[in-house]
Amino acid sequence: MSNTNYLKIKTSDNSHRINYSGKKNKLKNSSIGTGTELKSNVVIYKGNKIGTNCFIGHNSIIREENSIGNKVKIGSNVEICFNVNIGNGSKIHSNCFICEHSIIGKNVFIDPNVNFLN
């Protein structure tokens, strides 16, 4: 089920969930910048700030309280845990896992199948 009617974003279908409530139900709704494109089956939890002109690939999960800059590209099957900061222009390729409290700078490229550990 999608709730993107009020957002000025591009979607490939209605299979994604935005503002999903996990354990932290009291968070504010996520903000998603204009021109951002979501592919099918994307799940975005509450409390995220996603910039403009981003791309989020199929089956990706973005957990609570992340800050994602402008023009960020996130590939398919990526999981971003909570409290992650991603700088403008960065690219995270498919099948990656980004653990909580990670900081990714501007214009960083992360290869496919990379797993961050804490």
PDB file of N, CA and C in Angstrom:
ATOM      1  N   MET A   1       0.839  -1.186   0.000  1.00  0.00           N
ATOM      2  CA  MET A   1       0.000   0.000   0.000  1.00  0.00           C
ATOM      3  C   MET A   1       0.879   1.243   0.000  1.00  0.00           C
ATOM      4  N   SER A   2       0.520   2.203  -0.806  1.00  0.00           N
ATOM      5  CA  SER A   2       1.315   3.416  -0.921  1.00  0.00           C
ATOM      6  C   SER A   2       0.558   4.601  -0.348  1.00  0.00           C
ATOM      7  N   ASN A   3       1.286   5.532   0.174  1.00  0.00           N
ATOM      8  CA  ASN A   3       0.683   6.784   0.622  1.00  0.00           C
ATOM      9  C   ASN A   3       1.466   7.947   0.043  1.00  0.00           C
ATOM     10  N   THR A   4       1.772   7.879  -1.253  1.00  0.00           N
ATOM     11  CA  THR A   4       2.586   8.905  -1.893  1.00  0.00           C
ATOM     12  C   THR A   4       1.753   9.952  -2.622  1.00  0.00           C
ATOM     13  N   ASN A   5       0.457   9.913  -2.514  1.00  0.00           N
ATOM     14  CA  ASN A   5      -0.393  10.854  -3.250  1.00  0.00           C
ATOM     15  C   ASN A   5      -0.051  12.308  -2.941  1.00  0.00           C
ATOM     16  N   TYR A   6       0.353  12.596  -1.731  1.00  0.00           N
ATOM     17  CA  TYR A   6       0.627  13.975  -1.330  1.00  0.00           C
ATOM     18  C   TYR A   6       2.077  14.381  -1.585  1.00  0.00           C
ATOM     19  N   LEU A   7       2.904  13.452  -1.975  1.00  0.00           N
ATOM     20  CA  LEU A   7       4.311  13.744  -2.198  1.00  0.00           C
ATOM     21  C   LEU A   7       4.584  14.035  -3.664  1.00  0.00           C
ATOM     22  N   LYS A   8       5.560  14.872  -3.944  1.00  0.00           N
ATOM     23  CA  LYS A   8       5.949  15.152  -5.322  1.00  0.00           C
ATOM     24  C   LYS A   8       7.164  14.318  -5.671  1.00  0.00           C
ATOM     25  N   ILE A   9       6.936  13.001  -5.694  1.00  0.00           N
ATOM     26  CA  ILE A   9       7.999  12.068  -6.013  1.00  0.00           C
ATOM     27  C   ILE A   9       7.543  11.173  -7.148  1.00  0.00           C
ATOM     28  N   LYS A  10       8.496  10.465  -7.759  1.00  0.00           N
ATOM     29  CA  LYS A  10       8.189   9.553  -8.855  1.00  0.00           C
ATOM     30  C   LYS A  10       8.132   8.140  -8.296  1.00  0.00           C
ATOM     31  N   THR A  11       7.114   7.389  -8.703  1.00  0.00           N
ATOM     32  CA  THR A  11       7.000   6.016  -8.237  1.00  0.00           C
ATOM     33  C   THR A  11       6.727   5.097  -9.410  1.00  0.00           C
ATOM     34  N   SER A  12       7.245   3.876  -9.331  1.00  0.00           N
ATOM     35  CA  SER A  12       7.030   2.928 -10.422  1.00  0.00           C
ATOM     36  C   SER A  12       5.730   2.163 -10.252  1.00  0.00           C
ATOM     37  N   ASP A  13       5.217   2.078  -9.045  1.00  0.00           N
ATOM     38  CA  ASP A  13       3.936   1.421  -8.775  1.00  0.00           C
ATOM     39  C   ASP A  13       3.504   1.771  -7.353  1.00  0.00           C
ATOM     40  N   ASN A  14       2.519   1.088  -6.834  1.00  0.00           N
ATOM     41  CA  ASN A  14       2.006   1.407  -5.503  1.00  0.00           C
ATOM     42  C   ASN A  14       2.369   0.355  -4.468  1.00  0.00           C
ATOM     43  N   SER A  15       3.490  -0.318  -4.638  1.00  0.00           N
ATOM     44  CA  SER A  15       3.836  -1.415  -3.739  1.00  0.00           C
ATOM     45  C   SER A  15       4.702  -0.997  -2.552  1.00  0.00           C
ATOM     46  N   HIS A  16       5.063   0.265  -2.425  1.00  0.00           N
ATOM     47  CA  HIS A  16       5.954   0.691  -1.349  1.00  0.00           C
ATOM     48  C   HIS A  16       5.166   1.209  -0.152  1.00  0.00           C
ATOM     49  N   ARG A  17       5.862   1.305   0.991  1.00  0.00           N
ATOM     50  CA  ARG A  17       5.282   1.836   2.221  1.00  0.00           C
ATOM     51  C   ARG A  17       6.135   2.994   2.691  1.00  0.00           C
ATOM     52  N   ILE A  18       5.501   4.102   2.974  1.00  0.00           N
ATOM     53  CA  ILE A  18       6.199   5.271   3.500  1.00  0.00           C
ATOM     54  C   ILE A  18       5.606   5.587   4.869  1.00  0.00           C
ATOM     55  N   ASN A  19       6.471   5.962   5.810  1.00  0.00           N
ATOM     56  CA  ASN A  19       6.094   6.258   7.191  1.00  0.00           C
ATOM     57  C   ASN A  19       5.628   5.013   7.930  1.00  0.00           C
ATOM     58  N   TYR A  20       6.279   3.907   7.634  1.00  0.00           N
ATOM     59  CA  TYR A  20       6.000   2.663   8.341  1.00  0.00           C
ATOM     60  C   TYR A  20       6.382   2.845   9.802  1.00  0.00           C
ATOM     61  N   SER A  21       5.546   2.373  10.703  1.00  0.00           N
ATOM     62  CA  SER A  21       5.820   2.509  12.139  1.00  0.00           C
ATOM     63  C   SER A  21       6.415   1.220  12.674  1.00  0.00           C
ATOM     64  N   GLY A  22       7.628   1.315  13.124  1.00  0.00           N
ATOM     65  CA  GLY A  22       8.268   0.190  13.793  1.00  0.00           C
ATOM     66  C   GLY A  22       8.068   0.345  15.291  1.00  0.00           C
ATOM     67  N   LYS A  23       9.122   0.122  16.033  1.00  0.00           N
ATOM     68  CA  LYS A  23       9.051   0.236  17.483  1.00  0.00           C
ATOM     69  C   LYS A  23       8.964   1.690  17.937  1.00  0.00           C
ATOM     70  N   LYS A  24       9.425   2.618  17.098  1.00  0.00           N
ATOM     71  CA  LYS A  24       9.441   4.042  17.454  1.00  0.00           C
ATOM     72  C   LYS A  24       8.256   4.746  16.804  1.00  0.00           C
ATOM     73  N   ASN A  25       7.029   4.451  17.247  1.00  0.00           N
ATOM     74  CA  ASN A  25       5.823   4.983  16.597  1.00  0.00           C
ATOM     75  C   ASN A  25       5.662   6.486  16.769  1.00  0.00           C
ATOM     76  N   LYS A  26       6.310   7.102  17.743  1.00  0.00           N
ATOM     77  CA  LYS A  26       6.076   8.514  18.040  1.00  0.00           C
ATOM     78  C   LYS A  26       6.894   9.454  17.174  1.00  0.00           C
ATOM     79  N   LEU A  27       7.630   8.934  16.216  1.00  0.00           N
ATOM     80  CA  LEU A  27       8.436   9.781  15.332  1.00  0.00           C
ATOM     81  C   LEU A  27       7.542  10.537  14.363  1.00  0.00           C
ATOM     82  N   LYS A  28       8.048  11.669  13.885  1.00  0.00           N
ATOM     83  CA  LYS A  28       7.334  12.424  12.859  1.00  0.00           C
ATOM     84  C   LYS A  28       7.402  11.681  11.534  1.00  0.00           C
ATOM     85  N   ASN A  29       6.493  12.022  10.633  1.00  0.00           N
ATOM     86  CA  ASN A  29       6.517  11.433   9.297  1.00  0.00           C
ATOM     87  C   ASN A  29       7.811  11.808   8.579  1.00  0.00           C
ATOM     88  N   SER A  30       8.249  10.934   7.708  1.00  0.00           N
ATOM     89  CA  SER A  30       9.452  11.199   6.917  1.00  0.00           C
ATOM     90  C   SER A  30       9.180  12.307   5.910  1.00  0.00           C
ATOM     91  N   SER A  31      10.214  13.071   5.584  1.00  0.00           N
ATOM     92  CA  SER A  31      10.103  14.060   4.512  1.00  0.00           C
ATOM     93  C   SER A  31      10.922  13.564   3.335  1.00  0.00           C
ATOM     94  N   ILE A  32      10.352  13.667   2.148  1.00  0.00           N
ATOM     95  CA  ILE A  32      11.013  13.206   0.932  1.00  0.00           C
ATOM     96  C   ILE A  32      10.986  14.348  -0.064  1.00  0.00           C
ATOM     97  N   GLY A  33      12.173  14.737  -0.551  1.00  0.00           N
ATOM     98  CA  GLY A  33      12.291  15.866  -1.461  1.00  0.00           C
ATOM     99  C   GLY A  33      11.696  15.590  -2.837  1.00  0.00           C
ATOM    100  N   THR A  34      11.392  16.668  -3.535  1.00  0.00           N
ATOM    101  CA  THR A  34      10.811  16.559  -4.870  1.00  0.00           C
ATOM    102  C   THR A  34      11.798  15.894  -5.834  1.00  0.00           C
ATOM    103  N   GLY A  35      11.248  15.212  -6.822  1.00  0.00           N
ATOM    104  CA  GLY A  35      12.051  14.569  -7.841  1.00  0.00           C
ATOM    105  C   GLY A  35      12.660  13.245  -7.414  1.00  0.00           C
ATOM    106  N   THR A  36      12.416  12.826  -6.183  1.00  0.00           N
ATOM    107  CA  THR A  36      12.938  11.541  -5.717  1.00  0.00           C
ATOM    108  C   THR A  36      12.111  10.421  -6.328  1.00  0.00           C
ATOM    109  N   GLU A  37      12.801   9.363  -6.746  1.00  0.00           N
ATOM    110  CA  GLU A  37      12.137   8.233  -7.404  1.00  0.00           C
ATOM    111  C   GLU A  37      12.235   6.985  -6.536  1.00  0.00           C
ATOM    112  N   LEU A  38      11.086   6.351  -6.296  1.00  0.00           N
ATOM    113  CA  LEU A  38      11.029   5.112  -5.532  1.00  0.00           C
ATOM    114  C   LEU A  38      10.623   3.980  -6.464  1.00  0.00           C
ATOM    115  N   LYS A  39      11.389   2.916  -6.473  1.00  0.00           N
ATOM    116  CA  LYS A  39      11.021   1.724  -7.238  1.00  0.00           C
ATOM    117  C   LYS A  39      10.153   0.822  -6.360  1.00  0.00           C
ATOM    118  N   SER A  40       9.717  -0.305  -6.895  1.00  0.00           N
ATOM    119  CA  SER A  40       8.736  -1.145  -6.204  1.00  0.00           C
ATOM    120  C   SER A  40       9.262  -1.742  -4.901  1.00  0.00           C
ATOM    121  N   ASN A  41       8.344  -1.932  -3.971  1.00  0.00           N
ATOM    122  CA  ASN A  41       8.568  -2.587  -2.680  1.00  0.00           C
ATOM    123  C   ASN A  41       9.551  -1.874  -1.766  1.00  0.00           C
ATOM    124  N   VAL A  42       9.684  -0.579  -1.890  1.00  0.00           N
ATOM    125  CA  VAL A  42      10.522   0.208  -0.974  1.00  0.00           C
ATOM    126  C   VAL A  42       9.745   0.431   0.323  1.00  0.00           C
ATOM    127  N   VAL A  43      10.435   0.284   1.461  1.00  0.00           N
ATOM    128  CA  VAL A  43       9.831   0.564   2.765  1.00  0.00           C
ATOM    129  C   VAL A  43      10.656   1.655   3.433  1.00  0.00           C
ATOM    130  N   ILE A  44       9.987   2.770   3.753  1.00  0.00           N
ATOM    131  CA  ILE A  44      10.638   3.892   4.436  1.00  0.00           C
ATOM    132  C   ILE A  44       9.917   4.094   5.760  1.00  0.00           C
ATOM    133  N   TYR A  45      10.634   3.909   6.852  1.00  0.00           N
ATOM    134  CA  TYR A  45      10.063   4.079   8.183  1.00  0.00           C
ATOM    135  C   TYR A  45       9.889   5.563   8.494  1.00  0.00           C
ATOM    136  N   LYS A  46       9.242   5.860   9.610  1.00  0.00           N
ATOM    137  CA  LYS A  46       9.053   7.236  10.061  1.00  0.00           C
ATOM    138  C   LYS A  46      10.381   7.858  10.475  1.00  0.00           C
ATOM    139  N   GLY A  47      10.419   9.189  10.469  1.00  0.00           N
ATOM    140  CA  GLY A  47      11.536   9.935  11.030  1.00  0.00           C
ATOM    141  C   GLY A  47      12.720  10.150  10.112  1.00  0.00           C
ATOM    142  N   ASN A  48      12.560   9.915   8.814  1.00  0.00           N
ATOM    143  CA  ASN A  48      13.662  10.101   7.868  1.00  0.00           C
ATOM    144  C   ASN A  48      13.570  11.440   7.169  1.00  0.00           C
ATOM    145  N   LYS A  49      14.729  11.947   6.760  1.00  0.00           N
ATOM    146  CA  LYS A  49      14.786  13.137   5.914  1.00  0.00           C
ATOM    147  C   LYS A  49      15.553  12.730   4.661  1.00  0.00           C
ATOM    148  N   ILE A  50      14.844  12.709   3.533  1.00  0.00           N
ATOM    149  CA  ILE A  50      15.432  12.300   2.258  1.00  0.00           C
ATOM    150  C   ILE A  50      15.403  13.513   1.333  1.00  0.00           C
ATOM    151  N   GLY A  51      16.543  13.820   0.732  1.00  0.00           N
ATOM    152  CA  GLY A  51      16.685  15.017  -0.094  1.00  0.00           C
ATOM    153  C   GLY A  51      15.986  14.938  -1.435  1.00  0.00           C
ATOM    154  N   THR A  52      16.286  15.906  -2.290  1.00  0.00           N
ATOM    155  CA  THR A  52      15.674  15.996  -3.616  1.00  0.00           C
ATOM    156  C   THR A  52      16.442  15.158  -4.635  1.00  0.00           C
ATOM    157  N   ASN A  53      15.719  14.761  -5.683  1.00  0.00           N
ATOM    158  CA  ASN A  53      16.298  14.059  -6.835  1.00  0.00           C
ATOM    159  C   ASN A  53      17.104  12.815  -6.453  1.00  0.00           C
ATOM    160  N   CYS A  54      16.624  12.082  -5.472  1.00  0.00           N
ATOM    161  CA  CYS A  54      17.249  10.825  -5.070  1.00  0.00           C
ATOM    162  C   CYS A  54      16.623   9.670  -5.841  1.00  0.00           C
ATOM    163  N   PHE A  55      17.264   8.522  -5.786  1.00  0.00           N
ATOM    164  CA  PHE A  55      16.745   7.298  -6.396  1.00  0.00           C
ATOM    165  C   PHE A  55      16.879   6.188  -5.365  1.00  0.00           C
ATOM    166  N   ILE A  56      15.782   5.466  -5.127  1.00  0.00           N
ATOM    167  CA  ILE A  56      15.808   4.342  -4.192  1.00  0.00           C
ATOM    168  C   ILE A  56      15.292   3.117  -4.928  1.00  0.00           C
ATOM    169  N   GLY A  57      16.151   2.098  -5.062  1.00  0.00           N
ATOM    170  CA  GLY A  57      15.871   0.923  -5.879  1.00  0.00           C
ATOM    171  C   GLY A  57      14.917  -0.073  -5.234  1.00  0.00           C
ATOM    172  N   HIS A  58      14.521  -1.051  -6.036  1.00  0.00           N
ATOM    173  CA  HIS A  58      13.575  -2.093  -5.647  1.00  0.00           C
ATOM    174  C   HIS A  58      13.963  -2.767  -4.334  1.00  0.00           C
ATOM    175  N   ASN A  59      12.963  -3.058  -3.520  1.00  0.00           N
ATOM    176  CA  ASN A  59      13.105  -3.866  -2.298  1.00  0.00           C
ATOM    177  C   ASN A  59      14.047  -3.277  -1.252  1.00  0.00           C
ATOM    178  N   SER A  60      14.271  -1.991  -1.278  1.00  0.00           N
ATOM    179  CA  SER A  60      15.154  -1.370  -0.280  1.00  0.00           C
ATOM    180  C   SER A  60      14.372  -0.984   0.965  1.00  0.00           C
ATOM    181  N   ILE A  61      15.067  -0.997   2.106  1.00  0.00           N
ATOM    182  CA  ILE A  61      14.463  -0.662   3.396  1.00  0.00           C
ATOM    183  C   ILE A  61      15.282   0.452   4.027  1.00  0.00           C
ATOM    184  N   ILE A  62      14.596   1.510   4.426  1.00  0.00           N
ATOM    185  CA  ILE A  62      15.260   2.617   5.122  1.00  0.00           C
ATOM    186  C   ILE A  62      14.601   2.734   6.491  1.00  0.00           C
ATOM    187  N   ARG A  63      15.357   2.388   7.534  1.00  0.00           N
ATOM    188  CA  ARG A  63      14.833   2.391   8.901  1.00  0.00           C
ATOM    189  C   ARG A  63      14.712   3.817   9.431  1.00  0.00           C
ATOM    190  N   GLU A  64      14.491   3.986  10.733  1.00  0.00           N
ATOM    191  CA  GLU A  64      14.161   5.272  11.333  1.00  0.00           C
ATOM    192  C   GLU A  64      15.341   6.230  11.450  1.00  0.00           C
ATOM    193  N   GLU A  65      15.012   7.526  11.403  1.00  0.00           N
ATOM    194  CA  GLU A  65      15.891   8.644  11.779  1.00  0.00           C
ATOM    195  C   GLU A  65      17.188   8.743  10.972  1.00  0.00           C
ATOM    196  N   ASN A  66      17.082   8.602   9.664  1.00  0.00           N
ATOM    197  CA  ASN A  66      18.235   8.765   8.777  1.00  0.00           C
ATOM    198  C   ASN A  66      18.168  10.113   8.083  1.00  0.00           C
ATOM    199  N   SER A  67      19.323  10.621   7.703  1.00  0.00           N
ATOM    200  CA  SER A  67      19.409  11.845   6.926  1.00  0.00           C
ATOM    201  C   SER A  67      20.122  11.508   5.617  1.00  0.00           C
ATOM    202  N   ILE A  68      19.395  11.632   4.522  1.00  0.00           N
ATOM    203  CA  ILE A  68      19.925  11.287   3.199  1.00  0.00           C
ATOM    204  C   ILE A  68      19.941  12.560   2.368  1.00  0.00           C
ATOM    205  N   GLY A  69      21.103  12.922   1.850  1.00  0.00           N
ATOM    206  CA  GLY A  69      21.270  14.178   1.115  1.00  0.00           C
ATOM    207  C   GLY A  69      20.594  14.184  -0.241  1.00  0.00           C
ATOM    208  N   ASN A  70      20.886  15.210  -1.028  1.00  0.00           N
ATOM    209  CA  ASN A  70      20.329  15.367  -2.372  1.00  0.00           C
ATOM    210  C   ASN A  70      21.106  14.523  -3.379  1.00  0.00           C
ATOM    211  N   LYS A  71      20.416  14.083  -4.429  1.00  0.00           N
ATOM    212  CA  LYS A  71      21.011  13.332  -5.536  1.00  0.00           C
ATOM    213  C   LYS A  71      21.733  12.066  -5.079  1.00  0.00           C
ATOM    214  N   VAL A  72      21.205  11.422  -4.047  1.00  0.00           N
ATOM    215  CA  VAL A  72      21.755  10.159  -3.561  1.00  0.00           C
ATOM    216  C   VAL A  72      21.079   9.025  -4.313  1.00  0.00           C
ATOM    217  N   LYS A  73      21.862   8.028  -4.721  1.00  0.00           N
ATOM    218  CA  LYS A  73      21.333   6.862  -5.400  1.00  0.00           C
ATOM    219  C   LYS A  73      21.544   5.636  -4.517  1.00  0.00           C
ATOM    220  N   ILE A  74      20.435   4.952  -4.238  1.00  0.00           N
ATOM    221  CA  ILE A  74      20.464   3.745  -3.413  1.00  0.00           C
ATOM    222  C   ILE A  74      19.952   2.606  -4.284  1.00  0.00           C
ATOM    223  N   GLY A  75      20.769   1.578  -4.476  1.00  0.00           N
ATOM    224  CA  GLY A  75      20.417   0.473  -5.354  1.00  0.00           C
ATOM    225  C   GLY A  75      19.358  -0.442  -4.761  1.00  0.00           C
ATOM    226  N   SER A  76      19.075  -1.520  -5.477  1.00  0.00           N
ATOM    227  CA  SER A  76      18.076  -2.504  -5.056  1.00  0.00           C
ATOM    228  C   SER A  76      18.596  -3.342  -3.896  1.00  0.00           C
ATOM    229  N   ASN A  77      17.660  -3.795  -3.064  1.00  0.00           N
ATOM    230  CA  ASN A  77      17.955  -4.706  -1.952  1.00  0.00           C
ATOM    231  C   ASN A  77      18.951  -4.131  -0.946  1.00  0.00           C
ATOM    232  N   VAL A  78      18.864  -2.846  -0.699  1.00  0.00           N
ATOM    233  CA  VAL A  78      19.741  -2.184   0.274  1.00  0.00           C
ATOM    234  C   VAL A  78      18.955  -1.991   1.564  1.00  0.00           C
ATOM    235  N   GLU A  79      19.608  -2.249   2.706  1.00  0.00           N
ATOM    236  CA  GLU A  79      19.004  -1.929   3.993  1.00  0.00           C
ATOM    237  C   GLU A  79      19.868  -0.895   4.689  1.00  0.00           C
ATOM    238  N   ILE A  80      19.225   0.205   5.068  1.00  0.00           N
ATOM    239  CA  ILE A  80      19.896   1.263   5.814  1.00  0.00           C
ATOM    240  C   ILE A  80      19.258   1.289   7.194  1.00  0.00           C
ATOM    241  N   CYS A  81      20.058   0.955   8.219  1.00  0.00           N
ATOM    242  CA  CYS A  81      19.538   0.933   9.589  1.00  0.00           C
ATOM    243  C   CYS A  81      19.299   2.361  10.077  1.00  0.00           C
ATOM    244  N   PHE A  82      19.074   2.543  11.360  1.00  0.00           N
ATOM    245  CA  PHE A  82      18.687   3.851  11.881  1.00  0.00           C
ATOM    246  C   PHE A  82      19.871   4.763  12.165  1.00  0.00           C
ATOM    247  N   ASN A  83      19.583   6.071  12.159  1.00  0.00           N
ATOM    248  CA  ASN A  83      20.538   7.123  12.491  1.00  0.00           C
ATOM    249  C   ASN A  83      21.791   7.103  11.606  1.00  0.00           C
ATOM    250  N   VAL A  84      21.569   6.999  10.304  1.00  0.00           N
ATOM    251  CA  VAL A  84      22.651   7.018   9.314  1.00  0.00           C
ATOM    252  C   VAL A  84      22.610   8.362   8.592  1.00  0.00           C
ATOM    253  N   ASN A  85      23.778   8.951   8.330  1.00  0.00           N
ATOM    254  CA  ASN A  85      23.874  10.181   7.556  1.00  0.00           C
ATOM    255  C   ASN A  85      24.586   9.880   6.241  1.00  0.00           C
ATOM    256  N   ILE A  86      23.941  10.260   5.137  1.00  0.00           N
ATOM    257  CA  ILE A  86      24.513  10.042   3.807  1.00  0.00           C
ATOM    258  C   ILE A  86      24.604  11.393   3.112  1.00  0.00           C
ATOM    259  N   GLY A  87      25.806  11.767   2.672  1.00  0.00           N
ATOM    260  CA  GLY A  87      26.043  13.065   2.047  1.00  0.00           C
ATOM    261  C   GLY A  87      25.528  13.151   0.622  1.00  0.00           C
ATOM    262  N   ASN A  88      25.405  14.371   0.135  1.00  0.00           N
ATOM    263  CA  ASN A  88      24.921  14.641  -1.225  1.00  0.00           C
ATOM    264  C   ASN A  88      25.733  13.889  -2.267  1.00  0.00           C
ATOM    265  N   GLY A  89      25.057  13.382  -3.280  1.00  0.00           N
ATOM    266  CA  GLY A  89      25.721  12.788  -4.425  1.00  0.00           C
ATOM    267  C   GLY A  89      26.313  11.410  -4.210  1.00  0.00           C
ATOM    268  N   SER A  90      26.105  10.809  -3.055  1.00  0.00           N
ATOM    269  CA  SER A  90      26.669   9.487  -2.803  1.00  0.00           C
ATOM    270  C   SER A  90      25.853   8.401  -3.491  1.00  0.00           C
ATOM    271  N   LYS A  91      26.510   7.262  -3.760  1.00  0.00           N
ATOM    272  CA  LYS A  91      25.861   6.140  -4.441  1.00  0.00           C
ATOM    273  C   LYS A  91      26.135   4.873  -3.660  1.00  0.00           C
ATOM    274  N   ILE A  92      25.075   4.181  -3.297  1.00  0.00           N
ATOM    275  CA  ILE A  92      25.182   2.903  -2.604  1.00  0.00           C
ATOM    276  C   ILE A  92      24.634   1.860  -3.561  1.00  0.00           C
ATOM    277  N   HIS A  93      25.502   0.981  -4.019  1.00  0.00           N
ATOM    278  CA  HIS A  93      25.099   0.001  -5.019  1.00  0.00           C
ATOM    279  C   HIS A  93      24.228  -1.086  -4.385  1.00  0.00           C
ATOM    280  N   SER A  94      23.720  -1.991  -5.192  1.00  0.00           N
ATOM    281  CA  SER A  94      22.758  -3.010  -4.771  1.00  0.00           C
ATOM    282  C   SER A  94      23.320  -3.984  -3.743  1.00  0.00           C
ATOM    283  N   ASN A  95      22.394  -4.548  -2.957  1.00  0.00           N
ATOM    284  CA  ASN A  95      22.664  -5.618  -1.985  1.00  0.00           C
ATOM    285  C   ASN A  95      23.621  -5.208  -0.871  1.00  0.00           C
ATOM    286  N   CYS A  96      23.511  -3.964  -0.412  1.00  0.00           N
ATOM    287  CA  CYS A  96      24.360  -3.484   0.681  1.00  0.00           C
ATOM    288  C   CYS A  96      23.577  -3.413   1.989  1.00  0.00           C
ATOM    289  N   PHE A  97      24.301  -3.504   3.088  1.00  0.00           N
ATOM    290  CA  PHE A  97      23.745  -3.323   4.429  1.00  0.00           C
ATOM    291  C   PHE A  97      24.559  -2.238   5.112  1.00  0.00           C
ATOM    292  N   ILE A  98      23.880  -1.161   5.519  1.00  0.00           N
ATOM    293  CA  ILE A  98      24.533  -0.038   6.197  1.00  0.00           C
ATOM    294  C   ILE A  98      24.048  -0.049   7.649  1.00  0.00           C
ATOM    295  N   CYS A  99      24.955  -0.320   8.593  1.00  0.00           N
ATOM    296  CA  CYS A  99      24.544  -0.446   9.991  1.00  0.00           C
ATOM    297  C   CYS A  99      24.285   0.923  10.629  1.00  0.00           C
ATOM    298  N   GLU A 100      23.643   0.877  11.795  1.00  0.00           N
ATOM    299  CA  GLU A 100      23.238   2.093  12.493  1.00  0.00           C
ATOM    300  C   GLU A 100      24.426   2.980  12.838  1.00  0.00           C
ATOM    301  N   HIS A 101      24.165   4.277  12.890  1.00  0.00           N
ATOM    302  CA  HIS A 101      25.118   5.334  13.270  1.00  0.00           C
ATOM    303  C   HIS A 101      26.270   5.514  12.277  1.00  0.00           C
ATOM    304  N   SER A 102      26.115   5.034  11.057  1.00  0.00           N
ATOM    305  CA  SER A 102      27.162   5.213  10.041  1.00  0.00           C
ATOM    306  C   SER A 102      27.093   6.612   9.460  1.00  0.00           C
ATOM    307  N   ILE A 103      28.242   7.137   9.067  1.00  0.00           N
ATOM    308  CA  ILE A 103      28.319   8.434   8.400  1.00  0.00           C
ATOM    309  C   ILE A 103      29.007   8.206   7.064  1.00  0.00           C
ATOM    310  N   ILE A 104      28.308   8.535   5.991  1.00  0.00           N
ATOM    311  CA  ILE A 104      28.837   8.397   4.634  1.00  0.00           C
ATOM    312  C   ILE A 104      28.943   9.815   4.075  1.00  0.00           C
ATOM    313  N   GLY A 105      30.106  10.212   3.650  1.00  0.00           N
ATOM    314  CA  GLY A 105      30.344  11.578   3.191  1.00  0.00           C
ATOM    315  C   GLY A 105      29.706  11.889   1.847  1.00  0.00           C
ATOM    316  N   LYS A 106      30.072  13.041   1.301  1.00  0.00           N
ATOM    317  CA  LYS A 106      29.573  13.477  -0.007  1.00  0.00           C
ATOM    318  C   LYS A 106      30.291  12.727  -1.122  1.00  0.00           C
ATOM    319  N   ASN A 107      29.539  12.421  -2.189  1.00  0.00           N
ATOM    320  CA  ASN A 107      30.082  11.812  -3.410  1.00  0.00           C
ATOM    321  C   ASN A 107      30.858  10.520  -3.160  1.00  0.00           C
ATOM    322  N   VAL A 108      30.402   9.728  -2.205  1.00  0.00           N
ATOM    323  CA  VAL A 108      31.018   8.435  -1.900  1.00  0.00           C
ATOM    324  C   VAL A 108      30.335   7.365  -2.750  1.00  0.00           C
ATOM    325  N   PHE A 109      31.127   6.409  -3.272  1.00  0.00           N
ATOM    326  CA  PHE A 109      30.584   5.278  -4.012  1.00  0.00           C
ATOM    327  C   PHE A 109      30.845   4.012  -3.210  1.00  0.00           C
ATOM    328  N   ILE A 110      29.790   3.255  -2.929  1.00  0.00           N
ATOM    329  CA  ILE A 110      29.916   1.994  -2.200  1.00  0.00           C
ATOM    330  C   ILE A 110      29.575   0.868  -3.169  1.00  0.00           C
ATOM    331  N   ASP A 111      30.524  -0.042  -3.358  1.00  0.00           N
ATOM    332  CA  ASP A 111      30.376  -1.161  -4.298  1.00  0.00           C
ATOM    333  C   ASP A 111      29.215  -2.077  -3.921  1.00  0.00           C
ATOM    334  N   PRO A 112      28.773  -2.927  -4.869  1.00  0.00           N
ATOM    335  CA  PRO A 112      27.713  -3.901  -4.573  1.00  0.00           C
ATOM    336  C   PRO A 112      28.143  -4.874  -3.482  1.00  0.00           C
ATOM    337  N   ASN A 113      27.164  -5.355  -2.727  1.00  0.00           N
ATOM    338  CA  ASN A 113      27.342  -6.413  -1.725  1.00  0.00           C
ATOM    339  C   ASN A 113      28.226  -6.036  -0.545  1.00  0.00           C
ATOM    340  N   VAL A 114      28.373  -4.747  -0.256  1.00  0.00           N
ATOM    341  CA  VAL A 114      29.161  -4.311   0.893  1.00  0.00           C
ATOM    342  C   VAL A 114      28.281  -4.346   2.137  1.00  0.00           C
ATOM    343  N   ASN A 115      28.826  -4.874   3.236  1.00  0.00           N
ATOM    344  CA  ASN A 115      28.128  -4.899   4.513  1.00  0.00           C
ATOM    345  C   ASN A 115      28.942  -4.147   5.541  1.00  0.00           C
ATOM    346  N   PHE A 116      28.357  -3.117   6.137  1.00  0.00           N
ATOM    347  CA  PHE A 116      29.005  -2.401   7.222  1.00  0.00           C
ATOM    348  C   PHE A 116      28.753  -3.184   8.507  1.00  0.00           C
ATOM    349  N   LEU A 117      29.730  -3.220   9.385  1.00  0.00           N
ATOM    350  CA  LEU A 117      29.588  -3.876  10.686  1.00  0.00           C
ATOM    351  C   LEU A 117      29.862  -2.870  11.781  1.00  0.00           C
ATOM    352  N   ASN A 118      29.245  -3.085  12.928  1.00  0.00           N
ATOM    353  CA  ASN A 118      29.512  -2.187  14.052  1.00  0.00           C
ATOM    354  C   ASN A 118      30.089  -2.945  15.209  1.00  0.00           C
TER     355      ASN A 118
END
